[in-house]
PDB file of N, CA and C in Angstrom:
ATOM      1  N   MET A   1      52.921  56.346 308.248  1.00  0.00           N
ATOM      2  CA  MET A   1      52.411  57.734 308.170  1.00  0.00           C
ATOM      3  C   MET A   1      53.062  58.296 309.531  1.00  0.00           C
ATOM      4  N   THR A   2      53.390  59.448 309.417  1.00  0.00           N
ATOM      5  CA  THR A   2      53.857  60.327 310.482  1.00  0.00           C
ATOM      6  C   THR A   2      53.383  61.821 310.140  1.00  0.00           C
ATOM      7  N   ASP A   3      53.203  62.777 310.984  1.00  0.00           N
ATOM      8  CA  ASP A   3      52.906  63.764 310.814  1.00  0.00           C
ATOM      9  C   ASP A   3      53.791  64.863 311.959  1.00  0.00           C
ATOM     10  N   VAL A   4      54.084  65.997 311.716  1.00  0.00           N
ATOM     11  CA  VAL A   4      54.607  66.933 312.735  1.00  0.00           C
ATOM     12  C   VAL A   4      53.965  68.437 312.014  1.00  0.00           C
ATOM     13  N   CYS A   5      53.935  69.264 313.146  1.00  0.00           N
ATOM     14  CA  CYS A   5      53.605  70.749 312.766  1.00  0.00           C
ATOM     15  C   CYS A   5      54.526  71.683 313.357  1.00  0.00           C
ATOM     16  N   VAL A   6      55.082  72.635 312.820  1.00  0.00           N
ATOM     17  CA  VAL A   6      55.954  73.663 313.025  1.00  0.00           C
ATOM     18  C   VAL A   6      55.091  75.144 312.843  1.00  0.00           C
ATOM     19  N   PRO A   7      56.014  75.811 313.656  1.00  0.00           N
ATOM     20  CA  PRO A   7      55.462  77.518 313.133  1.00  0.00           C
ATOM     21  C   PRO A   7      56.001  77.795 312.105  1.00  0.00           C
ATOM     22  N   ILE A   8      54.928  78.243 310.951  1.00  0.00           N
ATOM     23  CA  ILE A   8      55.128  78.616 309.582  1.00  0.00           C
ATOM     24  C   ILE A   8      56.558  79.136 309.495  1.00  0.00           C
ATOM     25  N   SER A   9      56.697  80.210 310.175  1.00  0.00           N
ATOM     26  CA  SER A   9      57.980  80.743 310.133  1.00  0.00           C
ATOM     27  C   SER A   9      59.206  79.735 309.877  1.00  0.00           C
ATOM     28  N   ARG A  10      59.116  78.539 310.363  1.00  0.00           N
ATOM     29  CA  ARG A  10      60.162  77.494 310.133  1.00  0.00           C
ATOM     30  C   ARG A  10      59.611  76.051 309.231  1.00  0.00           C
ATOM     31  N   LEU A  11      58.678  76.511 308.859  1.00  0.00           N
ATOM     32  CA  LEU A  11      58.032  75.009 307.837  1.00  0.00           C
ATOM     33  C   LEU A  11      59.177  74.925 306.730  1.00  0.00           C
ATOM     34  N   ALA A  12      59.714  75.710 305.805  1.00  0.00           N
ATOM     35  CA  ALA A  12      60.490  75.704 304.727  1.00  0.00           C
ATOM     36  C   ALA A  12      61.885  74.680 305.118  1.00  0.00           C
ATOM     37  N   GLU A  13      62.177  75.687 306.482  1.00  0.00           N
ATOM     38  CA  GLU A  13      63.416  74.620 306.798  1.00  0.00           C
ATOM     39  C   GLU A  13      63.195  73.792 307.363  1.00  0.00           C
ATOM     40  N   CYS A  14      62.137  73.550 308.067  1.00  0.00           N
ATOM     41  CA  CYS A  14      61.802  71.744 308.306  1.00  0.00           C
ATOM     42  C   CYS A  14      61.531  70.857 307.241  1.00  0.00           C
ATOM     43  N   VAL A  15      60.926  71.178 306.662  1.00  0.00           N
ATOM     44  CA  VAL A  15      60.303  70.482 305.281  1.00  0.00           C
ATOM     45  C   VAL A  15      62.153  70.417 304.283  1.00  0.00           C
ATOM     46  N   THR A  16      62.587  71.099 304.181  1.00  0.00           N
ATOM     47  CA  THR A  16      63.853  71.247 303.156  1.00  0.00           C
ATOM     48  C   THR A  16      64.618  70.059 304.092  1.00  0.00           C
ATOM     49  N   GLU A  17      64.905  70.369 305.637  1.00  0.00           N
ATOM     50  CA  GLU A  17      65.859  69.237 306.243  1.00  0.00           C
ATOM     51  C   GLU A  17      65.333  67.985 306.109  1.00  0.00           C
ATOM     52  N   THR A  18      64.115  67.738 306.435  1.00  0.00           N
ATOM     53  CA  THR A  18      63.450  66.377 306.170  1.00  0.00           C
ATOM     54  C   THR A  18      63.714  65.449 304.793  1.00  0.00           C
ATOM     55  N   GLU A  19      63.409  66.195 304.080  1.00  0.00           N
ATOM     56  CA  GLU A  19      63.707  66.140 302.633  1.00  0.00           C
ATOM     57  C   GLU A  19      64.714  65.592 302.523  1.00  0.00           C
ATOM     58  N   GLN A  20      66.161  66.339 302.656  1.00  0.00           N
ATOM     59  CA  GLN A  20      67.178  66.169 302.550  1.00  0.00           C
ATOM     60  C   GLN A  20      67.457  64.707 303.578  1.00  0.00           C
ATOM     61  N   ASP A  21      67.251  64.489 304.601  1.00  0.00           N
ATOM     62  CA  ASP A  21      67.136  63.477 305.655  1.00  0.00           C
ATOM     63  C   ASP A  21      66.389  61.846 304.522  1.00  0.00           C
ATOM     64  N   LEU A  22      65.095  62.390 304.265  1.00  0.00           N
ATOM     65  CA  LEU A  22      64.633  61.516 303.136  1.00  0.00           C
ATOM     66  C   LEU A  22      65.233  60.891 302.022  1.00  0.00           C
ATOM     67  N   LEU A  23      66.096  61.723 301.492  1.00  0.00           N
ATOM     68  CA  LEU A  23      67.002  61.376 300.377  1.00  0.00           C
ATOM     69  C   LEU A  23      67.960  60.280 300.664  1.00  0.00           C
ATOM     70  N   LYS A  24      68.109  60.157 301.812  1.00  0.00           N
ATOM     71  CA  LYS A  24      69.246  58.905 302.593  1.00  0.00           C
ATOM     72  C   LYS A  24      68.642  57.908 302.647  1.00  0.00           C
ATOM     73  N   SER A  25      67.573  57.746 302.741  1.00  0.00           N
ATOM     74  CA  SER A  25      66.538  56.838 302.934  1.00  0.00           C
ATOM     75  C   SER A  25      66.435  55.561 301.815  1.00  0.00           C
ATOM     76  N   SER A  26      66.296  54.190 302.124  1.00  0.00           N
ATOM     77  CA  SER A  26      66.052  53.110 300.884  1.00  0.00           C
ATOM     78  C   SER A  26      64.920  53.249 300.833  1.00  0.00           C
ATOM     79  N   LEU A  27      63.916  53.822 302.079  1.00  0.00           N
ATOM     80  CA  LEU A  27      62.242  53.564 301.751  1.00  0.00           C
ATOM     81  C   LEU A  27      62.057  54.836 301.018  1.00  0.00           C
ATOM     82  N   PRO A  28      60.611  54.675 300.004  1.00  0.00           N
ATOM     83  CA  PRO A  28      60.145  55.864 299.562  1.00  0.00           C
ATOM     84  C   PRO A  28      59.202  56.726 300.471  1.00  0.00           C
ATOM     85  N   CYS A  29      59.759  57.653 300.513  1.00  0.00           N
ATOM     86  CA  CYS A  29      58.981  58.306 301.586  1.00  0.00           C
ATOM     87  C   CYS A  29      58.307  59.736 301.296  1.00  0.00           C
ATOM     88  N   PRO A  30      57.326  60.027 300.284  1.00  0.00           N
ATOM     89  CA  PRO A  30      56.621  61.127 300.005  1.00  0.00           C
ATOM     90  C   PRO A  30      56.453  62.181 301.062  1.00  0.00           C
ATOM     91  N   ILE A  31      56.311  63.548 300.756  1.00  0.00           N
ATOM     92  CA  ILE A  31      55.931  64.480 301.880  1.00  0.00           C
ATOM     93  C   ILE A  31      54.521  65.021 301.079  1.00  0.00           C
ATOM     94  N   VAL A  32      53.534  64.847 301.840  1.00  0.00           N
ATOM     95  CA  VAL A  32      52.538  66.142 301.605  1.00  0.00           C
ATOM     96  C   VAL A  32      52.450  67.106 303.007  1.00  0.00           C
ATOM     97  N   GLY A  33      51.747  67.859 302.531  1.00  0.00           N
ATOM     98  CA  GLY A  33      51.393  69.230 303.965  1.00  0.00           C
ATOM     99  C   GLY A  33      50.446  70.133 303.866  1.00  0.00           C
ATOM    100  N   HIS A  34      49.864  70.699 304.693  1.00  0.00           N
ATOM    101  CA  HIS A  34      49.306  71.750 304.746  1.00  0.00           C
ATOM    102  C   HIS A  34      49.985  73.193 304.878  1.00  0.00           C
ATOM    103  N   VAL A  35      50.304  73.593 303.889  1.00  0.00           N
ATOM    104  CA  VAL A  35      51.400  74.867 303.757  1.00  0.00           C
ATOM    105  C   VAL A  35      50.892  75.843 304.995  1.00  0.00           C
ATOM    106  N   GLY A  36      49.329  76.027 304.832  1.00  0.00           N
ATOM    107  CA  GLY A  36      48.891  77.194 305.489  1.00  0.00           C
ATOM    108  C   GLY A  36      48.754  76.833 307.105  1.00  0.00           C
ATOM    109  N   ASP A  37      49.099  75.841 307.575  1.00  0.00           N
ATOM    110  CA  ASP A  37      49.124  75.633 309.062  1.00  0.00           C
ATOM    111  C   ASP A  37      50.277  75.150 309.790  1.00  0.00           C
ATOM    112  N   GLY A  38      51.310  74.638 308.829  1.00  0.00           N
ATOM    113  CA  GLY A  38      52.830  74.440 309.113  1.00  0.00           C
ATOM    114  C   GLY A  38      52.615  72.576 309.356  1.00  0.00           C
ATOM    115  N   ASN A  39      51.542  71.942 309.094  1.00  0.00           N
ATOM    116  CA  ASN A  39      51.444  70.526 309.222  1.00  0.00           C
ATOM    117  C   ASN A  39      52.018  70.122 307.932  1.00  0.00           C
ATOM    118  N   PHE A  40      52.608  69.163 308.073  1.00  0.00           N
ATOM    119  CA  PHE A  40      53.284  68.045 306.950  1.00  0.00           C
ATOM    120  C   PHE A  40      53.372  66.653 307.317  1.00  0.00           C
ATOM    121  N   HIS A  41      53.185  65.829 306.541  1.00  0.00           N
ATOM    122  CA  HIS A  41      52.915  64.359 306.643  1.00  0.00           C
ATOM    123  C   HIS A  41      54.159  63.724 305.673  1.00  0.00           C
ATOM    124  N   VAL A  42      54.642  62.753 306.324  1.00  0.00           N
ATOM    125  CA  VAL A  42      55.441  61.464 305.516  1.00  0.00           C
ATOM    126  C   VAL A  42      54.998  60.262 305.290  1.00  0.00           C
ATOM    127  N   ALA A  43      54.988  59.919 304.363  1.00  0.00           N
ATOM    128  CA  ALA A  43      54.201  58.443 304.255  1.00  0.00           C
ATOM    129  C   ALA A  43      55.411  57.397 303.853  1.00  0.00           C
ATOM    130  N   MET A  44      55.880  56.673 304.585  1.00  0.00           N
ATOM    131  CA  MET A  44      56.726  55.768 304.771  1.00  0.00           C
ATOM    132  C   MET A  44      56.475  54.317 304.394  1.00  0.00           C
ATOM    133  N   LEU A  45      56.806  54.296 302.743  1.00  0.00           N
ATOM    134  CA  LEU A  45      56.313  53.081 302.295  1.00  0.00           C
ATOM    135  C   LEU A  45      57.473  51.761 302.544  1.00  0.00           C
ATOM    136  N   LEU A  46      56.905  51.007 303.419  1.00  0.00           N
ATOM    137  CA  LEU A  46      57.728  49.712 303.726  1.00  0.00           C
ATOM    138  C   LEU A  46      56.909  48.211 304.010  1.00  0.00           C
ATOM    139  N   ASP A  47      57.953  47.268 304.070  1.00  0.00           N
ATOM    140  CA  ASP A  47      57.171  45.896 304.046  1.00  0.00           C
ATOM    141  C   ASP A  47      57.253  45.689 305.652  1.00  0.00           C
ATOM    142  N   PRO A  48      56.216  45.770 306.213  1.00  0.00           N
ATOM    143  CA  PRO A  48      55.996  45.416 307.471  1.00  0.00           C
ATOM    144  C   PRO A  48      56.635  43.965 308.342  1.00  0.00           C
ATOM    145  N   ASN A  49      57.003  43.185 307.371  1.00  0.00           N
ATOM    146  CA  ASN A  49      57.385  41.867 307.437  1.00  0.00           C
ATOM    147  C   ASN A  49      59.003  41.905 307.682  1.00  0.00           C
ATOM    148  N   LYS A  50      59.631  43.113 307.134  1.00  0.00           N
ATOM    149  CA  LYS A  50      61.069  43.291 307.259  1.00  0.00           C
ATOM    150  C   LYS A  50      61.298  44.463 308.655  1.00  0.00           C
ATOM    151  N   PRO A  51      61.777  43.696 309.208  1.00  0.00           N
ATOM    152  CA  PRO A  51      62.298  44.303 310.760  1.00  0.00           C
ATOM    153  C   PRO A  51      63.223  45.559 310.217  1.00  0.00           C
ATOM    154  N   GLU A  52      64.238  45.348 309.307  1.00  0.00           N
ATOM    155  CA  GLU A  52      65.184  46.429 309.023  1.00  0.00           C
ATOM    156  C   GLU A  52      64.253  47.818 308.263  1.00  0.00           C
ATOM    157  N   GLU A  53      62.991  47.445 307.456  1.00  0.00           N
ATOM    158  CA  GLU A  53      62.703  48.455 307.104  1.00  0.00           C
ATOM    159  C   GLU A  53      61.666  49.297 308.549  1.00  0.00           C
ATOM    160  N   MET A  54      61.504  48.595 309.099  1.00  0.00           N
ATOM    161  CA  MET A  54      60.220  49.040 310.191  1.00  0.00           C
ATOM    162  C   MET A  54      61.505  49.563 311.357  1.00  0.00           C
ATOM    163  N   GLU A  55      62.803  49.270 311.724  1.00  0.00           N
ATOM    164  CA  GLU A  55      63.605  49.900 312.220  1.00  0.00           C
ATOM    165  C   GLU A  55      64.150  51.260 311.254  1.00  0.00           C
ATOM    166  N   GLU A  56      64.188  51.460 310.004  1.00  0.00           N
ATOM    167  CA  GLU A  56      64.552  52.452 309.615  1.00  0.00           C
ATOM    168  C   GLU A  56      63.721  53.489 309.362  1.00  0.00           C
ATOM    169  N   ALA A  57      61.915  53.190 309.536  1.00  0.00           N
ATOM    170  CA  ALA A  57      61.324  53.915 309.438  1.00  0.00           C
ATOM    171  C   ALA A  57      60.805  54.638 310.821  1.00  0.00           C
ATOM    172  N   GLU A  58      61.062  53.944 311.780  1.00  0.00           N
ATOM    173  CA  GLU A  58      61.003  54.440 313.443  1.00  0.00           C
ATOM    174  C   GLU A  58      62.479  55.274 313.497  1.00  0.00           C
ATOM    175  N   SER A  59      63.590  55.276 312.740  1.00  0.00           N
ATOM    176  CA  SER A  59      64.352  56.114 312.882  1.00  0.00           C
ATOM    177  C   SER A  59      64.220  57.665 312.142  1.00  0.00           C
ATOM    178  N   ILE A  60      63.420  57.248 310.954  1.00  0.00           N
ATOM    179  CA  ILE A  60      63.005  58.569 310.183  1.00  0.00           C
ATOM    180  C   ILE A  60      62.060  59.276 311.126  1.00  0.00           C
ATOM    181  N   ASN A  61      61.131  58.256 311.776  1.00  0.00           N
ATOM    182  CA  ASN A  61      60.005  59.139 312.300  1.00  0.00           C
ATOM    183  C   ASN A  61      60.562  60.047 313.695  1.00  0.00           C
ATOM    184  N   HIS A  62      61.503  59.505 314.576  1.00  0.00           N
ATOM    185  CA  HIS A  62      62.543  59.925 315.388  1.00  0.00           C
ATOM    186  C   HIS A  62      63.085  61.391 314.964  1.00  0.00           C
ATOM    187  N   ARG A  63      63.803  61.222 313.853  1.00  0.00           N
ATOM    188  CA  ARG A  63      64.403  62.535 313.455  1.00  0.00           C
ATOM    189  C   ARG A  63      63.463  63.574 313.075  1.00  0.00           C
ATOM    190  N   ILE A  64      62.602  63.329 312.229  1.00  0.00           N
ATOM    191  CA  ILE A  64      61.536  64.279 311.796  1.00  0.00           C
ATOM    192  C   ILE A  64      60.946  64.806 313.247  1.00  0.00           C
ATOM    193  N   VAL A  65      60.575  64.101 314.232  1.00  0.00           N
ATOM    194  CA  VAL A  65      59.648  64.478 315.204  1.00  0.00           C
ATOM    195  C   VAL A  65      60.957  65.356 316.264  1.00  0.00           C
ATOM    196  N   SER A  66      62.006  64.945 316.121  1.00  0.00           N
ATOM    197  CA  SER A  66      62.833  65.844 317.194  1.00  0.00           C
ATOM    198  C   SER A  66      63.226  67.048 316.535  1.00  0.00           C
ATOM    199  N   ARG A  67      63.204  67.139 315.226  1.00  0.00           N
ATOM    200  CA  ARG A  67      63.526  68.238 314.249  1.00  0.00           C
ATOM    201  C   ARG A  67      62.552  69.459 314.687  1.00  0.00           C
ATOM    202  N   ALA A  68      61.149  68.791 314.335  1.00  0.00           N
ATOM    203  CA  ALA A  68      60.128  69.532 314.789  1.00  0.00           C
ATOM    204  C   ALA A  68      60.130  70.146 315.988  1.00  0.00           C
ATOM    205  N   LEU A  69      60.237  69.349 317.060  1.00  0.00           N
ATOM    206  CA  LEU A  69      60.623  69.872 318.387  1.00  0.00           C
ATOM    207  C   LEU A  69      61.499  70.820 318.828  1.00  0.00           C
ATOM    208  N   LYS A  70      62.611  70.887 317.856  1.00  0.00           N
ATOM    209  CA  LYS A  70      63.976  71.471 318.101  1.00  0.00           C
ATOM    210  C   LYS A  70      63.385  73.194 317.537  1.00  0.00           C
ATOM    211  N   MET A  71      62.432  72.980 316.188  1.00  0.00           N
ATOM    212  CA  MET A  71      61.964  74.234 315.984  1.00  0.00           C
ATOM    213  C   MET A  71      60.735  74.951 316.495  1.00  0.00           C
ATOM    214  N   GLY A  72      60.468  74.432 317.639  1.00  0.00           N
ATOM    215  CA  GLY A  72      59.063  75.064 318.052  1.00  0.00           C
ATOM    216  C   GLY A  72      57.971  74.436 318.071  1.00  0.00           C
ATOM    217  N   GLY A  73      57.904  73.169 317.592  1.00  0.00           N
ATOM    218  CA  GLY A  73      56.589  72.830 316.648  1.00  0.00           C
ATOM    219  C   GLY A  73      56.234  71.734 317.605  1.00  0.00           C
ATOM    220  N   THR A  74      55.172  70.587 317.465  1.00  0.00           N
ATOM    221  CA  THR A  74      54.679  69.819 318.028  1.00  0.00           C
ATOM    222  C   THR A  74      55.044  68.218 317.388  1.00  0.00           C
ATOM    223  N   CYS A  75      54.936  66.945 318.170  1.00  0.00           N
ATOM    224  CA  CYS A  75      55.134  66.034 317.754  1.00  0.00           C
ATOM    225  C   CYS A  75      54.063  65.570 316.694  1.00  0.00           C
ATOM    226  N   THR A  76      52.971  66.207 316.636  1.00  0.00           N
ATOM    227  CA  THR A  76      51.909  65.527 315.837  1.00  0.00           C
ATOM    228  C   THR A  76      50.993  66.963 315.261  1.00  0.00           C
ATOM    229  N   GLY A  77      50.768  66.912 314.269  1.00  0.00           N
ATOM    230  CA  GLY A  77      49.628  68.125 313.864  1.00  0.00           C
ATOM    231  C   GLY A  77      48.122  67.828 313.658  1.00  0.00           C
ATOM    232  N   GLU A  78      47.875  66.323 313.573  1.00  0.00           N
ATOM    233  CA  GLU A  78      46.651  65.872 313.363  1.00  0.00           C
ATOM    234  C   GLU A  78      46.397  64.660 313.294  1.00  0.00           C
ATOM    235  N   HIS A  79      47.467  63.655 313.580  1.00  0.00           N
ATOM    236  CA  HIS A  79      47.573  62.164 313.721  1.00  0.00           C
ATOM    237  C   HIS A  79      47.056  61.578 314.978  1.00  0.00           C
ATOM    238  N   GLY A  80      47.510  62.424 316.209  1.00  0.00           N
ATOM    239  CA  GLY A  80      47.439  61.894 317.429  1.00  0.00           C
ATOM    240  C   GLY A  80      48.459  61.466 318.018  1.00  0.00           C
ATOM    241  N   ILE A  81      48.578  60.983 319.284  1.00  0.00           N
ATOM    242  CA  ILE A  81      49.637  60.320 319.939  1.00  0.00           C
ATOM    243  C   ILE A  81      49.035  58.701 319.945  1.00  0.00           C
ATOM    244  N   GLY A  82      50.359  58.000 319.222  1.00  0.00           N
ATOM    245  CA  GLY A  82      49.857  56.400 319.356  1.00  0.00           C
ATOM    246  C   GLY A  82      51.148  56.189 320.154  1.00  0.00           C
ATOM    247  N   LEU A  83      51.261  54.815 319.980  1.00  0.00           N
ATOM    248  CA  LEU A  83      52.359  53.985 320.362  1.00  0.00           C
ATOM    249  C   LEU A  83      53.890  54.636 320.235  1.00  0.00           C
ATOM    250  N   HIS A  84      53.600  55.017 318.938  1.00  0.00           N
ATOM    251  CA  HIS A  84      55.284  55.529 318.185  1.00  0.00           C
ATOM    252  C   HIS A  84      55.529  56.979 318.688  1.00  0.00           C
ATOM    253  N   LYS A  85      54.464  57.679 319.230  1.00  0.00           N
ATOM    254  CA  LYS A  85      54.810  58.992 319.980  1.00  0.00           C
ATOM    255  C   LYS A  85      55.045  59.398 321.172  1.00  0.00           C
ATOM    256  N   MET A  86      54.701  58.540 322.015  1.00  0.00           N
ATOM    257  CA  MET A  86      54.246  58.714 323.431  1.00  0.00           C
ATOM    258  C   MET A  86      55.307  59.190 323.989  1.00  0.00           C
ATOM    259  N   GLY A  87      56.782  58.784 323.962  1.00  0.00           N
ATOM    260  CA  GLY A  87      57.724  59.344 324.465  1.00  0.00           C
ATOM    261  C   GLY A  87      58.075  60.749 323.886  1.00  0.00           C
ATOM    262  N   PHE A  88      57.870  61.143 322.902  1.00  0.00           N
ATOM    263  CA  PHE A  88      57.586  62.677 322.303  1.00  0.00           C
ATOM    264  C   PHE A  88      56.529  63.599 323.072  1.00  0.00           C
ATOM    265  N   LEU A  89      55.530  63.093 323.341  1.00  0.00           N
ATOM    266  CA  LEU A  89      54.631  63.911 324.202  1.00  0.00           C
ATOM    267  C   LEU A  89      55.142  64.117 325.598  1.00  0.00           C
ATOM    268  N   ILE A  90      55.907  63.180 326.277  1.00  0.00           N
ATOM    269  CA  ILE A  90      56.398  63.719 327.553  1.00  0.00           C
ATOM    270  C   ILE A  90      57.543  64.538 326.915  1.00  0.00           C
ATOM    271  N   GLU A  91      58.503  64.403 326.099  1.00  0.00           N
ATOM    272  CA  GLU A  91      59.555  65.186 326.047  1.00  0.00           C
ATOM    273  C   GLU A  91      58.783  66.744 325.564  1.00  0.00           C
ATOM    274  N   GLU A  92      57.839  66.628 324.713  1.00  0.00           N
ATOM    275  CA  GLU A  92      57.192  68.275 324.548  1.00  0.00           C
ATOM    276  C   GLU A  92      56.696  68.733 325.648  1.00  0.00           C
ATOM    277  N   HIS A  93      55.630  67.873 326.270  1.00  0.00           N
ATOM    278  CA  HIS A  93      55.145  68.724 327.192  1.00  0.00           C
ATOM    279  C   HIS A  93      55.488  68.337 328.862  1.00  0.00           C
ATOM    280  N   GLY A  94      56.033  67.522 329.313  1.00  0.00           N
ATOM    281  CA  GLY A  94      56.588  66.935 330.548  1.00  0.00           C
ATOM    282  C   GLY A  94      55.555  66.540 331.108  1.00  0.00           C
ATOM    283  N   ALA A  95      55.977  66.528 332.501  1.00  0.00           N
ATOM    284  CA  ALA A  95      54.681  65.483 333.542  1.00  0.00           C
ATOM    285  C   ALA A  95      53.550  66.337 333.365  1.00  0.00           C
ATOM    286  N   ALA A  96      54.067  67.875 333.452  1.00  0.00           N
ATOM    287  CA  ALA A  96      52.502  68.709 333.761  1.00  0.00           C
ATOM    288  C   ALA A  96      51.404  68.529 332.733  1.00  0.00           C
ATOM    289  N   TYR A  97      51.568  67.822 331.785  1.00  0.00           N
ATOM    290  CA  TYR A  97      50.508  67.540 330.687  1.00  0.00           C
ATOM    291  C   TYR A  97      49.719  66.442 331.325  1.00  0.00           C
ATOM    292  N   GLY A  98      49.878  65.837 332.401  1.00  0.00           N
ATOM    293  CA  GLY A  98      48.961  64.518 332.917  1.00  0.00           C
ATOM    294  C   GLY A  98      49.367  63.451 332.483  1.00  0.00           C
ATOM    295  N   ILE A  99      50.418  63.071 331.775  1.00  0.00           N
ATOM    296  CA  ILE A  99      50.609  62.047 331.356  1.00  0.00           C
ATOM    297  C   ILE A  99      50.761  60.881 332.281  1.00  0.00           C
ATOM    298  N   ASP A 100      51.194  61.214 333.650  1.00  0.00           N
ATOM    299  CA  ASP A 100      51.457  60.107 334.512  1.00  0.00           C
ATOM    300  C   ASP A 100      50.037  60.131 334.992  1.00  0.00           C
ATOM    301  N   VAL A 101      48.999  60.814 335.102  1.00  0.00           N
ATOM    302  CA  VAL A 101      47.591  60.384 335.514  1.00  0.00           C
ATOM    303  C   VAL A 101      47.111  59.448 334.153  1.00  0.00           C
ATOM    304  N   MET A 102      47.144  59.984 332.997  1.00  0.00           N
ATOM    305  CA  MET A 102      46.582  59.138 332.207  1.00  0.00           C
ATOM    306  C   MET A 102      47.087  57.513 332.392  1.00  0.00           C
ATOM    307  N   SER A 103      48.726  57.414 332.448  1.00  0.00           N
ATOM    308  CA  SER A 103      48.854  56.395 332.413  1.00  0.00           C
ATOM    309  C   SER A 103      48.596  55.137 333.533  1.00  0.00           C
ATOM    310  N   SER A 104      48.582  56.201 334.787  1.00  0.00           N
ATOM    311  CA  SER A 104      47.951  55.479 335.919  1.00  0.00           C
ATOM    312  C   SER A 104      46.564  54.963 335.707  1.00  0.00           C
ATOM    313  N   HIS A 105      45.556  55.934 334.723  1.00  0.00           N
ATOM    314  CA  HIS A 105      44.273  55.385 334.879  1.00  0.00           C
ATOM    315  C   HIS A 105      44.275  54.077 333.835  1.00  0.00           C
ATOM    316  N   GLN A 106      45.354  54.024 332.860  1.00  0.00           N
ATOM    317  CA  GLN A 106      45.421  53.044 331.856  1.00  0.00           C
ATOM    318  C   GLN A 106      45.415  51.715 332.720  1.00  0.00           C
ATOM    319  N   ALA A 107      46.727  51.899 333.605  1.00  0.00           N
ATOM    320  CA  ALA A 107      46.742  50.801 334.384  1.00  0.00           C
ATOM    321  C   ALA A 107      46.128  50.097 335.245  1.00  0.00           C
ATOM    322  N   CYS A 108      45.169  51.194 335.526  1.00  0.00           N
ATOM    323  CA  CYS A 108      43.891  50.563 336.568  1.00  0.00           C
ATOM    324  C   CYS A 108      42.901  49.871 335.496  1.00  0.00           C
ATOM    325  N   ALA A 109      42.560  50.456 334.395  1.00  0.00           N
ATOM    326  CA  ALA A 109      41.681  50.221 333.632  1.00  0.00           C
ATOM    327  C   ALA A 109      41.752  48.426 333.212  1.00  0.00           C
ATOM    328  N   ARG A 110      43.213  48.319 333.257  1.00  0.00           N
ATOM    329  CA  ARG A 110      43.402  46.853 332.658  1.00  0.00           C
ATOM    330  C   ARG A 110      43.469  45.788 333.746  1.00  0.00           C
ATOM    331  N   SER A 111      43.856  46.447 335.150  1.00  0.00           N
ATOM    332  CA  SER A 111      43.521  45.395 336.425  1.00  0.00           C
ATOM    333  C   SER A 111      42.090  44.451 336.055  1.00  0.00           C
TER     334      SER A 111
END
């Protein structure tokens, strides 16, 4: 499952482009959304034991997030930042967001 959020004025465009992208996928990928706030979700149904399906899902996620960022949106509307979106958080907000501080804190906590 992934999600992004874009300005309402770009929502239809983003969903339409994402849908066209998903039609090319071998994975079932339904879209659901919160039309009123620009947030939508893509559920990528895959077998985690098949590396090729995991790779395809990561590629889809990358395209969806990149598309949203180019449209002035955010890499997540409500799912938060996990392992698969950390790089996008840096791309979206840069070092000013305090990512370097958060990363150094995690490194200290592991020591």
